[in-house]
Amino acid sequence: MISAYEQVLGVSLRAGCGDPVRVAHEWLVAESPMAAHVRAGRRVGGSLADELDERVVELRHLDDVVSSRDLLPAVLKELGEVEALVGLASFAEQVGRRLFTAVGELAQLAGWIASDAGRCADAQRLYLSGVGASEAAGDRVLGAQLLSSLSYQLANVGNPRDAALLARTAVRGADGASPVVRALLLERLAWASVKAGDAEGTWRALDAVNDSYDRRGGTESEPEWVYWLNQAEIDVMAGRCMIELGRPADAEPLLANAIATYPAEHAREVALYLTWLAESHARTGDLDAARDVVERAQRHAATMPSSRAEDRLDSVVGML
């Protein structure tokens, strides 16, 4: 876990702060530059916006290796301070757009983490507040990311038809979205469609995901918040949809090959995706293989608590 965090942020933790969980807690109690600016009534310039961008990236990557329980307070604290900065400080229009973009990105991150912690009402509120910030920033693509994130939650714990409508809205409204961003939005449309019982729409969305991802360029042409979407993630989503569509045998190799590429430090994702692999085995009648995979998932889930992972494990164990 420590080495993963060092690689993400390019800093050494060996001699000092210990591990990412401690980093998250230290972040929570420390005063940020945003709070200092608000207290002093300063005019915000590009240098503070640069620093804020870096802080958002650091928090986003911490989510890979720190549990939602430990990280959510730090992200909410940062979000509150940036919102206060936007409300009280003065800044040029261009800097203001960057600040509102940061608010939108932090709201999306906080919503995602809150949802993982089982705080779905809080997550919905955060997502919708982020949509407002993205509008103030003039960033329709970020707004689409927020609506799409909410659609994913609704597909899992709410009304799948509402989720599908939100997901279609996000895809259609994301003017100028890059290929990887569009692939992400289409992935969530595929998931909402399959949960709503729209098989044709699911296949159509999955085909569009692959087409869009194949058109990707370099990482510099993509927003940083889509860094995690790769072929393995796309295969996992396709596998999950295939299980929902009654084709677990087709899902199994996609899931198994994708999971093999994940580092152990990403324990939450490994645990979640293993539950789908276990379900693919169970639905093809290989219960021994399913039980073995569930045990692997339980070991990973124990190292990084997640309400989503716990719910999935309960579901698969109940199936067995």
Protein backbone atom coordinates (compact mmCIF):
# COMPACT_ATOMS: atom_id res chain seq x y z
CA MET A 1 0.00 0.00 0.00
CA ILE A 2 2.80 2.40 0.88
CA SER A 3 4.66 1.73 -2.36
CA ALA A 4 1.49 2.31 -4.37
CA TYR A 5 0.92 5.67 -2.74
CA GLU A 6 4.56 6.66 -3.27
CA GLN A 7 4.23 5.82 -6.96
CA VAL A 8 1.01 7.80 -7.31
CA LEU A 9 2.23 10.97 -5.64
CA GLY A 10 5.95 10.73 -6.34
CA VAL A 11 6.88 11.17 -2.68
CA SER A 12 8.56 8.96 -0.10
CA LEU A 13 6.62 7.80 2.93
CA ARG A 14 9.34 5.55 4.34
CA ALA A 15 10.97 8.05 6.61
CA GLY A 16 7.93 9.86 7.92
CA CYS A 17 4.21 9.60 7.78
CA GLY A 18 3.83 5.82 7.49
CA ASP A 19 0.88 4.88 5.27
CA PRO A 20 -1.91 6.39 3.19
CA VAL A 21 -4.49 6.12 6.00
CA ARG A 22 -2.30 8.28 8.19
CA VAL A 23 -1.84 10.69 5.29
CA ALA A 24 -5.63 10.98 5.01
CA HIS A 25 -6.00 11.73 8.73
CA GLU A 26 -3.18 14.26 8.71
CA TRP A 27 -4.86 15.93 5.75
CA LEU A 28 -8.06 16.10 7.79
CA VAL A 29 -6.53 17.98 10.74
CA ALA A 30 -4.17 20.25 8.78
CA GLU A 31 -5.17 23.70 7.59
CA SER A 32 -5.26 24.02 3.84
CA PRO A 33 -4.04 27.02 1.81
CA MET A 34 -7.68 27.66 0.89
CA ALA A 35 -8.65 28.26 4.52
CA ALA A 36 -5.76 30.69 4.96
CA HIS A 37 -6.83 32.67 1.89
CA VAL A 38 -10.43 32.92 3.08
CA ARG A 39 -9.36 34.10 6.53
CA ALA A 40 -7.05 36.73 5.10
CA GLY A 41 -9.54 37.91 2.47
CA ARG A 42 -6.94 37.60 -0.26
CA ARG A 43 -7.37 37.74 -4.00
CA VAL A 44 -6.86 34.28 -5.45
CA GLY A 45 -4.46 33.87 -8.34
CA GLY A 46 -3.31 31.12 -10.65
CA SER A 47 -0.70 29.73 -8.23
CA LEU A 48 -3.32 28.78 -5.64
CA ALA A 49 -5.48 27.28 -8.38
CA ASP A 50 -2.48 25.18 -9.42
CA GLU A 51 -1.99 23.98 -5.85
CA LEU A 52 -5.66 23.16 -5.53
CA ASP A 53 -5.55 21.12 -8.73
CA GLU A 54 -2.69 19.09 -7.28
CA ARG A 55 -4.54 18.50 -4.02
CA VAL A 56 -7.61 17.23 -5.87
CA VAL A 57 -5.46 14.78 -7.83
CA GLU A 58 -3.78 13.53 -4.64
CA LEU A 59 -7.09 12.91 -2.92
CA ARG A 60 -8.48 11.17 -5.99
CA HIS A 61 -5.57 8.74 -6.10
CA LEU A 62 -5.76 8.13 -2.37
CA ASP A 63 -9.19 6.65 -3.04
CA ASP A 64 -7.44 3.74 -4.76
CA VAL A 65 -5.76 2.61 -1.55
CA VAL A 66 -7.64 4.16 1.40
CA SER A 67 -11.07 3.05 2.62
CA SER A 68 -14.05 5.35 2.23
CA ARG A 69 -14.43 5.50 6.01
CA ASP A 70 -10.95 6.98 6.39
CA LEU A 71 -10.90 9.20 3.30
CA LEU A 72 -14.37 10.75 3.23
CA PRO A 73 -13.82 13.22 6.13
CA ALA A 74 -10.68 14.56 4.44
CA VAL A 75 -12.42 15.04 1.09
CA LEU A 76 -15.45 16.70 2.67
CA LYS A 77 -13.16 19.04 4.60
CA GLU A 78 -11.34 20.02 1.42
CA LEU A 79 -14.59 20.51 -0.45
CA GLY A 80 -15.97 22.76 2.29
CA GLU A 81 -12.85 24.91 2.30
CA VAL A 82 -12.85 25.35 -1.47
CA GLU A 83 -16.55 26.23 -1.43
CA ALA A 84 -15.81 28.84 1.25
CA LEU A 85 -12.97 30.19 -0.87
CA VAL A 86 -15.22 30.54 -3.91
CA GLY A 87 -17.84 32.29 -1.82
CA LEU A 88 -15.60 34.82 -0.07
CA ALA A 89 -12.39 35.41 -2.00
CA SER A 90 -11.95 37.54 -5.11
CA PHE A 91 -10.49 36.23 -8.34
CA ALA A 92 -10.32 36.79 -12.07
CA GLU A 93 -12.85 35.05 -14.31
CA GLN A 94 -10.38 32.47 -15.60
CA VAL A 95 -9.26 31.56 -12.07
CA GLY A 96 -12.89 31.40 -11.00
CA ARG A 97 -13.64 28.79 -13.65
CA ARG A 98 -10.77 26.68 -12.34
CA LEU A 99 -12.02 27.02 -8.77
CA PHE A 100 -15.56 25.99 -9.71
CA THR A 101 -14.10 23.06 -11.65
CA ALA A 102 -12.25 21.99 -8.51
CA VAL A 103 -15.48 22.22 -6.51
CA GLY A 104 -17.22 20.01 -9.09
CA GLU A 105 -14.42 17.46 -9.11
CA LEU A 106 -14.27 17.32 -5.31
CA ALA A 107 -18.06 16.95 -5.15
CA GLN A 108 -17.88 14.02 -7.56
CA LEU A 109 -15.10 12.39 -5.55
CA ALA A 110 -16.90 12.97 -2.26
CA GLY A 111 -20.12 11.58 -3.74
CA TRP A 112 -18.36 8.49 -5.03
CA ILE A 113 -16.72 7.84 -1.66
CA ALA A 114 -19.95 8.51 0.25
CA SER A 115 -21.75 6.02 -1.97
CA ASP A 116 -19.07 3.43 -1.29
CA ALA A 117 -19.60 4.05 2.43
CA GLY A 118 -23.33 3.41 2.07
CA ARG A 119 -24.29 7.08 2.50
CA CYS A 120 -26.32 7.25 -0.69
CA ALA A 121 -28.47 10.26 0.22
CA ASP A 122 -25.33 12.26 0.97
CA ALA A 123 -23.80 11.07 -2.28
CA GLN A 124 -26.81 12.23 -4.30
CA ARG A 125 -26.69 15.66 -2.64
CA LEU A 126 -22.97 15.95 -3.37
CA TYR A 127 -23.36 14.92 -7.01
CA LEU A 128 -26.11 17.45 -7.62
CA SER A 129 -24.20 20.26 -5.92
CA GLY A 130 -21.26 19.41 -8.16
CA VAL A 131 -23.45 19.76 -11.23
CA GLY A 132 -24.13 23.35 -10.18
CA ALA A 133 -20.42 24.02 -9.79
CA SER A 134 -19.67 22.52 -13.19
CA GLU A 135 -22.26 24.81 -14.74
CA ALA A 136 -20.58 27.80 -13.10
CA ALA A 137 -17.28 26.60 -14.52
CA GLY A 138 -18.77 26.19 -17.99
CA ASP A 139 -17.65 22.53 -17.98
CA ARG A 140 -20.44 20.40 -19.45
CA VAL A 141 -18.24 17.33 -19.57
CA LEU A 142 -17.66 17.48 -15.82
CA GLY A 143 -21.40 17.96 -15.35
CA ALA A 144 -21.96 14.82 -17.40
CA GLN A 145 -19.48 12.94 -15.21
CA LEU A 146 -21.46 13.95 -12.10
CA LEU A 147 -24.83 12.98 -13.57
CA SER A 148 -23.36 9.73 -14.82
CA SER A 149 -21.96 8.97 -11.37
CA LEU A 150 -25.40 9.52 -9.87
CA SER A 151 -26.94 7.26 -12.52
CA TYR A 152 -24.55 4.50 -11.47
CA GLN A 153 -25.70 4.78 -7.86
CA LEU A 154 -29.36 4.79 -8.87
CA ALA A 155 -28.83 1.72 -11.03
CA ASN A 156 -27.49 -0.12 -7.99
CA VAL A 157 -29.75 1.10 -5.17
CA GLY A 158 -32.54 3.14 -6.78
CA ASN A 159 -34.80 3.16 -9.81
CA PRO A 160 -32.94 1.68 -12.81
CA ARG A 161 -35.20 3.49 -15.28
CA ASP A 162 -34.29 6.81 -13.72
CA ALA A 163 -30.67 5.70 -13.83
CA ALA A 164 -30.89 4.95 -17.54
CA LEU A 165 -32.48 8.33 -18.24
CA LEU A 166 -29.71 10.12 -16.31
CA ALA A 167 -27.03 8.09 -18.07
CA ARG A 168 -28.47 8.90 -21.52
CA THR A 169 -28.69 12.56 -20.57
CA ALA A 170 -25.03 12.55 -19.53
CA VAL A 171 -23.92 10.95 -22.80
CA ARG A 172 -25.96 13.31 -24.94
CA GLY A 173 -25.01 16.43 -22.99
CA ALA A 174 -21.26 15.81 -22.86
CA ASP A 175 -20.39 18.13 -25.73
CA GLY A 176 -16.71 17.85 -26.61
CA ALA A 177 -16.04 14.82 -24.42
CA SER A 178 -12.78 13.04 -25.15
CA PRO A 179 -12.84 9.38 -26.27
CA VAL A 180 -12.05 7.89 -22.85
CA VAL A 181 -14.55 10.13 -21.07
CA ARG A 182 -17.22 9.16 -23.57
CA ALA A 183 -16.32 5.50 -23.02
CA LEU A 184 -16.83 6.00 -19.27
CA LEU A 185 -20.21 7.66 -19.76
CA LEU A 186 -21.27 4.88 -22.12
CA GLU A 187 -20.15 2.22 -19.62
CA ARG A 188 -22.51 3.64 -17.05
CA LEU A 189 -25.25 3.79 -19.66
CA ALA A 190 -24.67 0.10 -20.36
CA TRP A 191 -24.96 -0.74 -16.67
CA ALA A 192 -28.09 1.34 -16.14
CA SER A 193 -29.63 -0.20 -19.27
CA VAL A 194 -29.00 -3.77 -18.19
CA LYS A 195 -30.39 -3.07 -14.70
CA ALA A 196 -33.48 -1.56 -16.36
CA GLY A 197 -33.96 -4.71 -18.44
CA ASP A 198 -33.00 -3.11 -21.76
CA ALA A 199 -30.87 -5.82 -23.37
CA GLU A 200 -30.68 -4.16 -26.78
CA GLY A 201 -29.65 -0.85 -25.24
CA THR A 202 -27.00 -2.63 -23.17
CA TRP A 203 -25.33 -4.25 -26.17
CA ARG A 204 -25.51 -1.03 -28.13
CA ALA A 205 -23.82 0.87 -25.29
CA LEU A 206 -21.12 -1.78 -24.82
CA ASP A 207 -20.27 -1.67 -28.54
CA ALA A 208 -20.06 2.12 -28.35
CA VAL A 209 -17.73 1.87 -25.33
CA ASN A 210 -15.26 -0.17 -27.34
CA ASP A 211 -15.52 2.09 -30.38
CA SER A 212 -14.90 5.20 -28.30
CA TYR A 213 -12.02 3.71 -26.31
CA ASP A 214 -10.32 2.56 -29.51
CA ARG A 215 -10.23 6.21 -30.66
CA ARG A 216 -8.31 7.39 -27.60
CA GLY A 217 -5.13 9.41 -27.97
CA GLY A 218 -2.50 10.28 -25.40
CA THR A 219 -3.29 10.83 -21.74
CA GLU A 220 -2.67 14.56 -22.14
CA SER A 221 -5.87 14.80 -24.18
CA GLU A 222 -7.98 13.40 -21.32
CA PRO A 223 -9.06 14.96 -18.00
CA GLU A 224 -7.11 13.54 -15.08
CA TRP A 225 -10.24 12.17 -13.42
CA VAL A 226 -10.54 9.43 -16.04
CA TYR A 227 -7.02 8.07 -15.38
CA TRP A 228 -8.33 4.77 -13.99
CA LEU A 229 -10.38 3.66 -16.99
CA ASN A 230 -8.48 1.05 -18.99
CA GLN A 231 -9.20 -2.10 -20.94
CA ALA A 232 -9.41 -4.20 -17.76
CA GLU A 233 -12.13 -1.93 -16.36
CA ILE A 234 -14.01 -2.09 -19.64
CA ASP A 235 -13.82 -5.90 -19.62
CA VAL A 236 -15.08 -6.02 -16.04
CA MET A 237 -18.12 -3.94 -16.92
CA ALA A 238 -18.80 -6.06 -19.98
CA GLY A 239 -18.54 -9.19 -17.84
CA ARG A 240 -20.94 -7.80 -15.25
CA CYS A 241 -23.44 -6.93 -17.96
CA MET A 242 -23.15 -10.39 -19.47
CA ILE A 243 -24.00 -11.96 -16.11
CA GLU A 244 -27.10 -9.76 -15.88
CA LEU A 245 -27.99 -10.77 -19.44
CA GLY A 246 -27.81 -14.48 -18.56
CA ARG A 247 -24.45 -15.23 -20.19
CA PRO A 248 -22.18 -16.05 -17.22
CA ALA A 249 -19.94 -18.40 -19.20
CA ASP A 250 -18.98 -15.54 -21.51
CA ALA A 251 -18.37 -13.29 -18.53
CA GLU A 252 -15.94 -15.60 -16.70
CA PRO A 253 -12.82 -15.18 -18.92
CA LEU A 254 -13.31 -11.42 -19.19
CA LEU A 255 -13.50 -11.08 -15.41
CA ALA A 256 -10.69 -13.52 -14.59
CA ASN A 257 -8.22 -11.95 -17.02
CA ALA A 258 -9.05 -8.41 -15.91
CA ILE A 259 -8.77 -9.18 -12.19
CA ALA A 260 -5.33 -10.72 -12.74
CA THR A 261 -4.01 -7.29 -13.77
CA TYR A 262 -5.04 -5.48 -10.56
CA PRO A 263 -2.45 -4.76 -7.85
CA ALA A 264 -3.24 -6.10 -4.39
CA GLU A 265 -3.20 -2.54 -3.04
CA HIS A 266 -6.47 -1.88 -4.90
CA ALA A 267 -8.18 -4.22 -2.47
CA ARG A 268 -11.69 -2.78 -2.75
CA GLU A 269 -11.86 -3.13 -6.54
CA VAL A 270 -10.31 -6.61 -6.41
CA ALA A 271 -12.88 -7.69 -3.82
CA LEU A 272 -15.78 -6.23 -5.79
CA TYR A 273 -14.73 -7.75 -9.08
CA LEU A 274 -14.05 -11.13 -7.48
CA THR A 275 -17.68 -11.21 -6.33
CA TRP A 276 -18.74 -10.97 -9.96
CA LEU A 277 -16.33 -13.73 -10.93
CA ALA A 278 -17.79 -15.85 -8.14
CA GLU A 279 -21.29 -15.16 -9.42
CA SER A 280 -20.28 -16.18 -12.95
CA HIS A 281 -19.06 -19.53 -11.56
CA ALA A 282 -22.20 -19.97 -9.46
CA ARG A 283 -24.52 -19.30 -12.39
CA THR A 284 -22.72 -21.87 -14.53
CA GLY A 285 -23.05 -24.43 -11.73
CA ASP A 286 -19.41 -24.53 -10.59
CA LEU A 287 -20.13 -23.93 -6.90
CA ASP A 288 -16.73 -25.09 -5.65
CA ALA A 289 -14.96 -22.51 -7.83
CA ALA A 290 -17.47 -19.88 -6.69
CA ARG A 291 -16.76 -20.60 -3.02
CA ASP A 292 -13.02 -20.39 -3.59
CA VAL A 293 -13.38 -17.00 -5.27
CA VAL A 294 -15.66 -15.74 -2.49
CA GLU A 295 -12.96 -16.59 0.05
CA ARG A 296 -10.45 -14.59 -1.97
CA ALA A 297 -12.86 -11.68 -2.14
CA GLN A 298 -13.43 -11.79 1.61
CA ARG A 299 -9.70 -11.60 2.28
CA HIS A 300 -9.34 -8.52 0.09
CA ALA A 301 -12.47 -6.88 1.50
CA ALA A 302 -11.14 -7.27 5.03
CA THR A 303 -8.16 -5.02 4.24
CA MET A 304 -10.23 -2.14 2.79
CA PRO A 305 -13.76 -1.89 4.20
CA SER A 306 -16.45 -0.95 1.69
CA SER A 307 -20.22 -1.00 1.98
CA ARG A 308 -20.47 -1.86 -1.71
CA ALA A 309 -18.14 -4.82 -1.33
CA GLU A 310 -19.96 -6.04 1.78
CA ASP A 311 -23.32 -5.87 0.01
CA ARG A 312 -21.96 -7.76 -2.98
CA LEU A 313 -20.42 -10.43 -0.77
CA ASP A 314 -23.69 -10.87 1.13
CA SER A 315 -25.52 -11.24 -2.18
CA VAL A 316 -23.17 -13.87 -3.59
CA VAL A 317 -22.90 -15.80 -0.33
CA GLY A 318 -26.68 -15.87 -0.18
CA MET A 319 -26.77 -17.19 -3.73
CA LEU A 320 -24.42 -20.03 -2.75
